[in-house]
């Protein structure tokens, strides 16, 4: 049961799978530390490679052995460091740009090992082909998906624009499996959504911090102000936002904070990793040109603000929530966040490959390290009126093997397996929650807070106790 729960999550097809990351793409010149590698161990590595090449049951190429050695060396450091081969590096760049070639679906993994459709993206090839939320992909081009894992399933659904992939779909309302052929296309993924939930109150959702995120957010905020000149409050929704680019997090937080306010600081081995980041254009603009926040109406600097988070809120989204919480600019509502307090830098090695390396811990403006702890909400509110849904079961940073230790880190949670199984059986009967919908309980509670009305807080006493220590 444990592995099923740990693999549950959202994944946009075409975006590289993996644990949440706050990234910097570094093109800065730097002087590597002169390696002090033990010669005996290096000779042993060469001997082992030679033995494998000469004696293994099948021929093995030397470059493959060295690539796997690099992969193992970097991957042994912590869960967020890794070697990016050309395909993985390309996928990562595409993900941060908000563009990828695929089908346009958000997926998870079912308990049976199938690929479950959480939702097709609007106007995507998947939506046009008739794929629906709740569908199970059982075969990809005739191959059984059980045992593949999400990453391999994603690779098989990716490809060249204009090519086709055949999916076998199990649908609860269909007596027989459906066979659908979908044409791969370039998908432009929008990470920002916004709407008025009722007169005077708005909702802004950020699903991932990509290169266009700050520009898209600025446009949405300006649009909200035009539609509702008498705004009374805003809900910033960061639930299930796994992170992304550090510059995006800084820009989003800066939109709501006084000009020049500190957003986050980092501390690492290199001097360039010992920095403080402020809400000024040079810290969040990825390209030269006009400051995107110049178009944001000033009302959003003072408008009452609630930040919604859950266990799936990680990394860059935790930077935003922590900054707004420390500056007392917003109250944080929801569930304790993932707890990823480290920054990864992408160092290209050659033209096509790169190393994704953990280079710093980050700290909120008040000096808090959230590594392996997360952001604790000011007001704990469950996903539904009955319980906290999958948040009670999701994996957190503290559960990952080889995770970096945090300051005053809490002990790893000891979950009641029987209680988890009972809750999981209940959750299987529910439809996936659509954030921003009329059925969004946490959003409704956030709006109640903005109105000065009482919220229905979490029923879990342990969350209530934690919330008392949030400051």
Protein backbone atom coordinates (compact mmCIF):
# COMPACT_ATOMS: atom_id res chain seq x y z
CA UNK A 1 0.00 0.00 0.00
CA UNK A 2 2.80 2.40 0.82
CA UNK A 3 4.27 2.47 -2.65
CA UNK A 4 0.88 3.18 -4.20
CA UNK A 5 0.33 6.20 -1.99
CA UNK A 6 3.83 7.50 -2.61
CA UNK A 7 3.33 7.37 -6.36
CA UNK A 8 0.00 9.19 -6.31
CA UNK A 9 0.15 12.69 -7.74
CA UNK A 10 -0.46 14.97 -10.68
CA UNK A 11 1.71 14.99 -13.75
CA UNK A 12 1.20 16.94 -16.96
CA UNK A 13 2.11 14.64 -19.81
CA UNK A 14 5.28 15.98 -21.34
CA UNK A 15 6.55 17.58 -18.13
CA UNK A 16 9.34 15.61 -16.48
CA UNK A 17 8.13 13.59 -13.50
CA UNK A 18 9.88 13.89 -10.21
CA UNK A 19 9.87 15.38 -6.73
CA UNK A 20 9.25 19.10 -6.45
CA UNK A 21 12.14 21.39 -7.32
CA UNK A 22 13.01 25.05 -6.96
CA UNK A 23 15.43 25.64 -9.81
CA UNK A 24 17.94 28.14 -11.04
CA UNK A 25 19.37 27.75 -14.53
CA UNK A 26 22.91 28.91 -13.99
CA UNK A 27 25.02 30.26 -16.80
CA UNK A 28 27.38 32.02 -14.41
CA UNK A 29 31.07 31.38 -14.68
CA UNK A 30 32.26 29.53 -11.64
CA UNK A 31 35.47 27.89 -10.57
CA UNK A 32 34.92 24.27 -9.59
CA UNK A 33 36.63 23.06 -6.45
CA UNK A 34 39.74 21.09 -7.36
CA UNK A 35 38.62 17.50 -6.81
CA UNK A 36 40.45 15.46 -4.20
CA UNK A 37 39.51 12.05 -5.51
CA UNK A 38 41.11 8.96 -3.97
CA UNK A 39 43.25 7.33 -6.65
CA UNK A 40 42.77 3.79 -5.35
CA UNK A 41 38.98 4.08 -5.66
CA UNK A 42 39.27 5.55 -9.15
CA UNK A 43 41.45 2.62 -10.17
CA UNK A 44 38.85 0.27 -8.70
CA UNK A 45 36.15 1.96 -10.78
CA UNK A 46 38.20 1.45 -13.92
CA UNK A 47 38.85 -2.20 -13.00
CA UNK A 48 35.16 -2.86 -12.38
CA UNK A 49 34.24 -1.28 -15.71
CA UNK A 50 36.88 -3.42 -17.43
CA UNK A 51 35.62 -6.62 -15.77
CA UNK A 52 32.04 -5.84 -16.82
CA UNK A 53 33.04 -5.15 -20.41
CA UNK A 54 35.12 -8.31 -20.70
CA UNK A 55 33.06 -10.80 -18.68
CA UNK A 56 29.40 -9.73 -18.56
CA UNK A 57 27.02 -12.13 -20.28
CA UNK A 58 26.27 -9.57 -23.01
CA UNK A 59 28.41 -6.76 -24.48
CA UNK A 60 28.14 -3.47 -22.59
CA UNK A 61 29.31 -0.15 -24.00
CA UNK A 62 31.79 1.82 -21.96
CA UNK A 63 29.89 5.10 -22.31
CA UNK A 64 26.77 3.47 -20.84
CA UNK A 65 28.76 2.30 -17.81
CA UNK A 66 30.20 5.76 -17.23
CA UNK A 67 26.80 7.44 -17.63
CA UNK A 68 25.30 5.08 -15.06
CA UNK A 69 28.24 5.74 -12.73
CA UNK A 70 27.64 9.50 -12.97
CA UNK A 71 23.93 8.97 -12.43
CA UNK A 72 24.55 6.90 -9.32
CA UNK A 73 27.11 9.35 -7.94
CA UNK A 74 24.84 12.39 -8.21
CA UNK A 75 21.66 10.54 -7.30
CA UNK A 76 23.17 9.24 -4.06
CA UNK A 77 23.41 12.75 -2.60
CA UNK A 78 19.74 13.57 -1.94
CA UNK A 79 16.33 13.01 -3.57
CA UNK A 80 16.50 16.20 -5.66
CA UNK A 81 19.95 15.92 -7.22
CA UNK A 82 20.42 13.95 -10.40
CA UNK A 83 22.07 13.51 -13.77
CA UNK A 84 19.96 14.72 -16.70
CA UNK A 85 20.58 12.85 -19.91
CA UNK A 86 19.74 14.71 -23.15
CA UNK A 87 16.07 13.60 -23.10
CA UNK A 88 15.55 14.49 -19.43
CA UNK A 89 17.33 17.82 -19.85
CA UNK A 90 15.16 18.69 -22.85
CA UNK A 91 11.97 17.75 -20.96
CA UNK A 92 12.98 19.86 -17.97
CA UNK A 93 13.60 22.92 -20.15
CA UNK A 94 10.29 22.40 -21.93
CA UNK A 95 8.49 22.12 -18.59
CA UNK A 96 9.84 25.40 -17.28
CA UNK A 97 8.98 27.11 -20.58
CA UNK A 98 5.37 25.92 -20.30
CA UNK A 99 5.53 24.14 -23.66
CA UNK A 100 5.84 20.45 -24.46
CA UNK A 101 4.81 17.91 -27.06
CA UNK A 102 2.24 15.45 -25.78
CA UNK A 103 -1.45 14.73 -25.37
CA UNK A 104 -2.46 17.33 -22.81
CA UNK A 105 -3.59 15.34 -19.78
CA UNK A 106 -3.00 15.47 -16.06
CA UNK A 107 -2.48 11.97 -14.71
CA UNK A 108 -1.96 9.96 -11.57
CA UNK A 109 -1.40 6.28 -10.86
CA UNK A 110 -4.32 4.11 -9.81
CA UNK A 111 -4.09 1.50 -7.07
CA UNK A 112 -4.07 -1.21 -9.74
CA UNK A 113 -1.05 0.31 -11.49
CA UNK A 114 -2.94 1.88 -14.38
CA UNK A 115 -2.58 5.50 -15.50
CA UNK A 116 -5.56 7.47 -14.21
CA UNK A 117 -6.79 10.60 -15.96
CA UNK A 118 -7.21 13.42 -13.46
CA UNK A 119 -8.26 15.87 -16.15
CA UNK A 120 -7.70 16.56 -19.84
CA UNK A 121 -6.33 20.05 -20.50
CA UNK A 122 -8.65 22.50 -22.16
CA UNK A 123 -8.64 22.33 -25.99
CA UNK A 124 -5.95 19.63 -25.95
CA UNK A 125 -5.66 16.61 -28.28
CA UNK A 126 -6.82 14.42 -25.39
CA UNK A 127 -9.95 16.48 -24.82
CA UNK A 128 -10.78 16.52 -28.53
CA UNK A 129 -10.33 12.73 -28.65
CA UNK A 130 -12.97 12.32 -25.93
CA UNK A 131 -10.74 11.40 -22.96
CA UNK A 132 -12.49 12.14 -19.66
CA UNK A 133 -11.53 12.63 -16.03
CA UNK A 134 -11.61 9.29 -14.21
CA UNK A 135 -10.65 7.24 -17.29
CA UNK A 136 -7.96 4.60 -16.79
CA UNK A 137 -5.30 4.07 -19.46
CA UNK A 138 -4.65 0.33 -19.50
CA UNK A 139 -2.51 0.05 -22.64
CA UNK A 140 -0.31 2.40 -24.67
CA UNK A 141 0.16 1.27 -28.26
CA UNK A 142 -0.90 -2.20 -27.14
CA UNK A 143 1.57 -2.46 -24.23
CA UNK A 144 0.20 -3.07 -20.73
CA UNK A 145 0.99 -0.03 -18.56
CA UNK A 146 1.07 -1.94 -15.27
CA UNK A 147 4.58 -1.98 -13.96
CA UNK A 148 5.77 0.82 -16.24
CA UNK A 149 5.53 3.62 -13.69
CA UNK A 150 4.39 7.15 -14.47
CA UNK A 151 7.69 8.34 -15.95
CA UNK A 152 7.87 5.51 -18.49
CA UNK A 153 4.19 5.94 -19.35
CA UNK A 154 4.82 9.65 -19.99
CA UNK A 155 7.77 8.84 -22.28
CA UNK A 156 5.62 6.51 -24.34
CA UNK A 157 2.91 9.14 -24.77
CA UNK A 158 5.40 11.80 -25.80
CA UNK A 159 6.88 12.01 -29.27
CA UNK A 160 7.08 14.09 -32.40
CA UNK A 161 4.28 16.55 -33.24
CA UNK A 162 1.85 15.00 -35.71
CA UNK A 163 2.56 11.40 -34.73
CA UNK A 164 -0.15 9.26 -33.14
CA UNK A 165 -0.47 7.08 -30.06
CA UNK A 166 -3.19 4.51 -29.43
CA UNK A 167 -4.63 4.34 -25.91
CA UNK A 168 -6.84 1.61 -24.49
CA UNK A 169 -9.22 3.23 -21.99
CA UNK A 170 -11.29 1.66 -19.21
CA UNK A 171 -14.27 3.85 -18.33
CA UNK A 172 -16.72 3.08 -15.54
CA UNK A 173 -19.73 3.95 -17.73
CA UNK A 174 -18.54 1.87 -20.72
CA UNK A 175 -19.09 -1.92 -20.72
CA UNK A 176 -16.12 -2.52 -23.05
CA UNK A 177 -12.65 -0.93 -23.23
CA UNK A 178 -12.38 2.08 -25.53
CA UNK A 179 -9.56 2.33 -28.08
CA UNK A 180 -8.70 5.94 -28.90
CA UNK A 181 -6.01 7.23 -31.25
CA UNK A 182 -4.65 10.63 -30.26
CA UNK A 183 -2.34 12.86 -32.29
CA UNK A 184 0.59 14.37 -30.40
CA UNK A 185 0.82 18.16 -30.55
CA UNK A 186 2.70 20.98 -28.88
CA UNK A 187 0.85 21.91 -25.72
CA UNK A 188 1.05 25.40 -24.27
CA UNK A 189 0.53 24.87 -20.57
CA UNK A 190 -1.03 27.75 -18.66
CA UNK A 191 0.11 27.87 -15.05
CA UNK A 192 -2.19 30.74 -13.96
CA UNK A 193 -5.97 30.81 -13.69
CA UNK A 194 -8.21 33.45 -12.17
CA UNK A 195 -11.89 34.26 -11.73
CA UNK A 196 -14.37 36.11 -9.54
CA UNK A 197 -15.94 33.61 -7.16
CA UNK A 198 -18.58 36.12 -6.08
CA UNK A 199 -18.96 39.90 -6.17
CA UNK A 200 -15.94 41.49 -4.50
CA UNK A 201 -13.92 38.28 -4.05
CA UNK A 202 -11.46 36.75 -6.49
CA UNK A 203 -9.49 33.51 -6.87
CA UNK A 204 -6.01 33.29 -8.43
CA UNK A 205 -4.48 29.85 -8.95
CA UNK A 206 -0.84 29.12 -9.76
CA UNK A 207 -0.23 25.47 -10.61
CA UNK A 208 3.53 25.70 -11.31
CA UNK A 209 6.24 28.37 -11.48
CA UNK A 210 7.33 28.56 -15.11
CA UNK A 211 9.03 31.24 -17.21
CA UNK A 212 5.71 32.90 -18.24
CA UNK A 213 4.14 32.70 -14.76
CA UNK A 214 4.87 36.24 -13.53
CA UNK A 215 3.71 37.81 -16.81
CA UNK A 216 0.57 35.65 -16.87
CA UNK A 217 -0.21 36.44 -13.22
CA UNK A 218 0.18 40.20 -13.83
CA UNK A 219 -2.25 40.01 -16.75
CA UNK A 220 -4.80 38.04 -14.69
CA UNK A 221 -4.62 40.48 -11.76
CA UNK A 222 -5.14 43.44 -14.07
CA UNK A 223 -8.11 41.66 -15.64
CA UNK A 224 -9.66 40.94 -12.21
CA UNK A 225 -9.36 44.61 -11.23
CA UNK A 226 -11.08 45.66 -14.47
CA UNK A 227 -13.93 43.21 -13.98
CA UNK A 228 -14.44 44.08 -10.32
CA UNK A 229 -13.32 47.62 -9.39
CA UNK A 230 -14.58 47.07 -5.82
CA UNK A 231 -12.46 44.07 -4.89
CA UNK A 232 -12.61 43.20 -1.20
CA UNK A 233 -10.32 40.16 -1.04
CA UNK A 234 -8.24 37.65 -3.00
CA UNK A 235 -7.50 33.95 -2.52
CA UNK A 236 -4.07 32.90 -3.83
CA UNK A 237 -4.34 29.16 -4.48
CA UNK A 238 -1.02 27.25 -4.34
CA UNK A 239 -2.46 23.80 -3.60
CA UNK A 240 -0.61 20.99 -5.38
CA UNK A 241 1.85 23.50 -6.83
CA UNK A 242 5.10 21.47 -6.92
CA UNK A 243 7.44 24.44 -7.45
CA UNK A 244 9.50 25.51 -10.42
CA UNK A 245 11.69 28.52 -11.08
CA UNK A 246 12.93 30.57 -8.14
CA UNK A 247 12.47 33.79 -10.12
CA UNK A 248 8.80 32.97 -10.57
CA UNK A 249 8.27 32.59 -6.83
CA UNK A 250 10.00 35.90 -6.14
CA UNK A 251 7.86 37.69 -8.73
CA UNK A 252 4.58 36.26 -7.43
CA UNK A 253 5.37 37.21 -3.83
CA UNK A 254 6.58 40.67 -4.90
CA UNK A 255 3.19 41.43 -6.48
CA UNK A 256 1.57 41.46 -3.04
CA UNK A 257 4.37 42.81 -0.82
CA UNK A 258 5.78 46.33 -0.36
CA UNK A 259 8.31 47.21 -3.02
CA UNK A 260 11.76 45.82 -2.26
CA UNK A 261 10.60 43.52 0.57
CA UNK A 262 12.80 40.49 1.25
CA UNK A 263 11.30 37.33 -0.23
CA UNK A 264 13.80 34.58 0.55
CA UNK A 265 17.45 33.98 1.36
CA UNK A 266 19.70 31.06 0.47
CA UNK A 267 22.83 29.61 2.01
CA UNK A 268 25.19 27.16 0.35
CA UNK A 269 28.84 26.34 -0.24
CA UNK A 270 29.39 28.80 -3.12
CA UNK A 271 29.36 32.56 -2.57
CA UNK A 272 26.69 32.92 -5.29
CA UNK A 273 24.44 30.66 -3.20
CA UNK A 274 24.70 32.86 -0.10
CA UNK A 275 22.23 35.51 -1.13
CA UNK A 276 19.14 37.47 -0.14
CA UNK A 277 16.43 38.00 -2.74
CA UNK A 278 14.13 41.00 -2.76
CA UNK A 279 10.96 42.01 -4.56
CA UNK A 280 12.71 44.02 -7.24
CA UNK A 281 12.76 43.43 -11.02
CA UNK A 282 16.38 42.30 -11.14
CA UNK A 283 15.49 39.36 -8.91
CA UNK A 284 12.46 38.04 -10.81
CA UNK A 285 12.81 39.12 -14.44
CA UNK A 286 14.16 36.33 -16.64
CA UNK A 287 14.54 38.55 -19.70
CA UNK A 288 15.30 42.20 -20.22
CA UNK A 289 12.39 44.46 -21.02
CA UNK A 290 9.43 45.97 -19.22
CA UNK A 291 8.78 44.96 -15.62
CA UNK A 292 5.65 42.74 -15.77
CA UNK A 293 4.56 43.84 -12.29
CA UNK A 294 4.37 47.46 -13.46
CA UNK A 295 0.94 46.59 -14.89
CA UNK A 296 -0.41 45.18 -11.61
CA UNK A 297 -2.90 47.57 -9.95
CA UNK A 298 -1.60 48.89 -6.62
CA UNK A 299 -4.71 47.63 -4.83
CA UNK A 300 -3.14 44.16 -4.68
CA UNK A 301 -0.43 45.48 -2.34
CA UNK A 302 -3.05 46.02 0.39
CA UNK A 303 -6.03 43.88 -0.57
CA UNK A 304 -6.90 41.29 2.13
CA UNK A 305 -5.23 38.04 1.08
CA UNK A 306 -5.58 34.35 1.92
CA UNK A 307 -3.06 31.76 0.67
CA UNK A 308 -4.38 28.21 0.20
CA UNK A 309 -1.83 25.38 0.59
CA UNK A 310 -1.80 21.63 1.07
CA UNK A 311 0.67 18.75 1.32
CA UNK A 312 1.26 19.00 -2.42
CA UNK A 313 2.43 22.62 -2.11
CA UNK A 314 6.20 22.42 -2.33
CA UNK A 315 9.40 24.30 -2.93
CA UNK A 316 8.76 27.57 -4.79
CA UNK A 317 5.14 27.64 -3.59
CA UNK A 318 6.42 27.32 -0.02
CA UNK A 319 8.73 30.29 -0.62
CA UNK A 320 5.71 32.40 -1.58
CA UNK A 321 3.56 31.22 1.31
CA UNK A 322 6.41 31.68 3.82
CA UNK A 323 7.21 35.21 2.62
CA UNK A 324 3.60 36.36 2.75
CA UNK A 325 3.16 34.74 6.16
CA UNK A 326 6.34 36.24 7.67
CA UNK A 327 5.49 39.73 6.45
CA UNK A 328 1.99 39.27 7.91
CA UNK A 329 0.65 40.16 4.48
CA UNK A 330 -1.60 37.11 4.27
CA UNK A 331 -3.01 34.31 6.36
CA UNK A 332 -2.21 30.78 5.27
CA UNK A 333 -5.10 28.31 5.17
CA UNK A 334 -5.13 24.57 4.47
CA UNK A 335 -2.76 21.72 5.36
CA UNK A 336 0.91 21.60 6.30
CA UNK A 337 3.03 21.82 3.15
CA UNK A 338 5.54 19.36 1.67
CA UNK A 339 8.65 20.74 3.39
CA UNK A 340 11.18 21.09 0.58
CA UNK A 341 13.58 23.83 1.61
CA UNK A 342 16.41 23.37 -0.89
CA UNK A 343 17.38 24.96 -4.20
CA UNK A 344 18.60 23.02 -7.23
CA UNK A 345 20.94 24.57 -9.79
CA UNK A 346 21.09 23.23 -13.34
CA UNK A 347 24.73 23.01 -14.46
CA UNK A 348 25.07 22.06 -18.15
CA UNK A 349 27.81 19.52 -18.86
CA UNK A 350 28.34 19.58 -22.58
CA UNK A 351 25.72 20.63 -25.09
CA UNK A 352 22.91 18.26 -24.26
CA UNK A 353 23.28 16.92 -20.71
CA UNK A 354 23.28 18.58 -17.31
CA UNK A 355 23.57 17.97 -13.58
CA UNK A 356 20.71 19.03 -11.33
CA UNK A 357 22.46 19.67 -8.04
CA UNK A 358 21.20 20.78 -4.65
CA UNK A 359 23.28 23.88 -4.00
CA UNK A 360 21.57 25.70 -1.12
CA UNK A 361 18.95 25.69 1.59
CA UNK A 362 16.47 28.52 1.50
CA UNK A 363 15.07 30.53 4.41
CA UNK A 364 11.94 32.64 4.81
CA UNK A 365 12.35 36.37 5.56
CA UNK A 366 12.16 35.64 9.29
CA UNK A 367 15.03 33.14 8.97
CA UNK A 368 12.91 29.99 9.12
CA UNK A 369 14.16 26.86 7.41
CA UNK A 370 11.19 24.80 6.30
CA UNK A 371 13.31 21.85 5.19
CA UNK A 372 11.56 18.60 6.15
CA UNK A 373 8.92 20.59 8.08
CA UNK A 374 7.04 22.81 5.68
CA UNK A 375 4.82 25.82 6.17
CA UNK A 376 2.28 25.35 8.94
CA UNK A 377 -1.04 27.07 8.16
CA UNK A 378 -2.34 29.83 10.39
CA UNK A 379 -5.73 28.15 10.07
CA UNK A 380 -5.80 24.39 9.37
CA UNK A 381 -8.73 23.59 7.09
CA UNK A 382 -9.34 20.15 5.59
CA UNK A 383 -9.98 19.48 1.90
CA UNK A 384 -13.61 18.65 2.56
CA UNK A 385 -16.03 19.16 5.43
CA UNK A 386 -15.47 15.51 6.41
CA UNK A 387 -11.69 14.99 6.11
CA UNK A 388 -8.45 16.14 4.45
CA UNK A 389 -8.68 13.78 1.49
CA UNK A 390 -5.39 12.57 0.02
CA UNK A 391 -3.42 15.12 2.04
CA UNK A 392 -3.58 12.72 4.97
CA UNK A 393 -1.83 10.09 2.84
CA UNK A 394 0.60 12.01 0.65
CA UNK A 395 4.34 11.68 0.99
CA UNK A 396 6.29 14.64 2.38
CA UNK A 397 9.96 15.66 2.25
CA UNK A 398 10.65 14.07 5.64
CA UNK A 399 9.54 10.70 4.21
CA UNK A 400 12.09 10.71 1.38
CA UNK A 401 15.24 8.65 1.68
CA UNK A 402 18.44 10.72 2.03
CA UNK A 403 16.50 13.97 2.48
CA UNK A 404 18.46 16.92 3.84
CA UNK A 405 17.93 17.40 7.53
CA UNK A 406 16.02 20.46 8.63
CA UNK A 407 16.45 22.67 11.65
CA UNK A 408 14.55 21.23 14.59
CA UNK A 409 13.19 18.59 12.22
CA UNK A 410 10.22 16.66 13.40
CA UNK A 411 10.32 12.90 13.55
CA UNK A 412 9.04 11.09 10.48
CA UNK A 413 5.34 10.48 10.75
CA UNK A 414 4.24 7.05 11.91
CA UNK A 415 1.04 6.40 10.02
CA UNK A 416 -1.71 4.04 11.07
CA UNK A 417 -1.85 1.65 8.09
CA UNK A 418 -5.33 0.39 8.88
CA UNK A 419 -6.67 3.93 9.14
CA UNK A 420 -4.98 4.78 5.83
CA UNK A 421 -6.57 1.80 4.12
CA UNK A 422 -10.02 2.74 5.41
CA UNK A 423 -9.58 6.34 4.26
CA UNK A 424 -8.28 5.24 0.86
CA UNK A 425 -11.34 3.03 0.33
CA UNK A 426 -13.53 6.07 1.03
CA UNK A 427 -11.55 8.35 -1.28
CA UNK A 428 -11.79 5.90 -4.19
CA UNK A 429 -15.51 6.67 -4.40
CA UNK A 430 -14.97 10.42 -4.81
CA UNK A 431 -14.49 12.40 -7.98
CA UNK A 432 -11.22 14.36 -8.24
CA UNK A 433 -11.58 17.80 -6.67
CA UNK A 434 -11.72 20.63 -9.19
CA UNK A 435 -9.97 23.62 -7.64
CA UNK A 436 -12.00 26.79 -7.96
CA UNK A 437 -15.30 24.93 -8.45
CA UNK A 438 -18.51 25.40 -6.49
CA UNK A 439 -17.60 22.21 -4.56
CA UNK A 440 -14.22 23.56 -3.42
CA UNK A 441 -14.64 23.50 0.37
CA UNK A 442 -11.29 25.08 1.23
CA UNK A 443 -11.87 27.95 -1.20
CA UNK A 444 -15.28 28.56 0.36
CA UNK A 445 -13.70 28.69 3.82
CA UNK A 446 -11.02 31.11 2.59
CA UNK A 447 -13.71 33.45 1.25
CA UNK A 448 -15.52 33.21 4.58
CA UNK A 449 -12.35 34.37 6.32
CA UNK A 450 -12.05 37.33 3.95
CA UNK A 451 -15.61 38.27 4.86
CA UNK A 452 -14.85 38.07 8.56
CA UNK A 453 -17.00 34.97 9.00
CA UNK A 454 -15.92 31.88 10.99
CA UNK A 455 -14.31 28.99 9.11
CA UNK A 456 -14.78 25.28 9.72
CA UNK A 457 -11.31 24.32 10.95
CA UNK A 458 -9.66 20.91 10.69
CA UNK A 459 -11.01 18.23 12.96
CA UNK A 460 -7.54 16.87 13.59
CA UNK A 461 -6.31 18.05 16.97
CA UNK A 462 -2.67 17.57 16.06
CA UNK A 463 -3.00 20.11 13.23
CA UNK A 464 -4.65 22.57 15.56
CA UNK A 465 -1.75 22.23 17.99
CA UNK A 466 0.80 22.74 15.22
CA UNK A 467 -1.00 25.86 14.02
CA UNK A 468 -0.46 27.44 17.42
CA UNK A 469 3.29 27.32 16.77
CA UNK A 470 3.16 28.66 13.22
CA UNK A 471 4.69 32.01 14.18
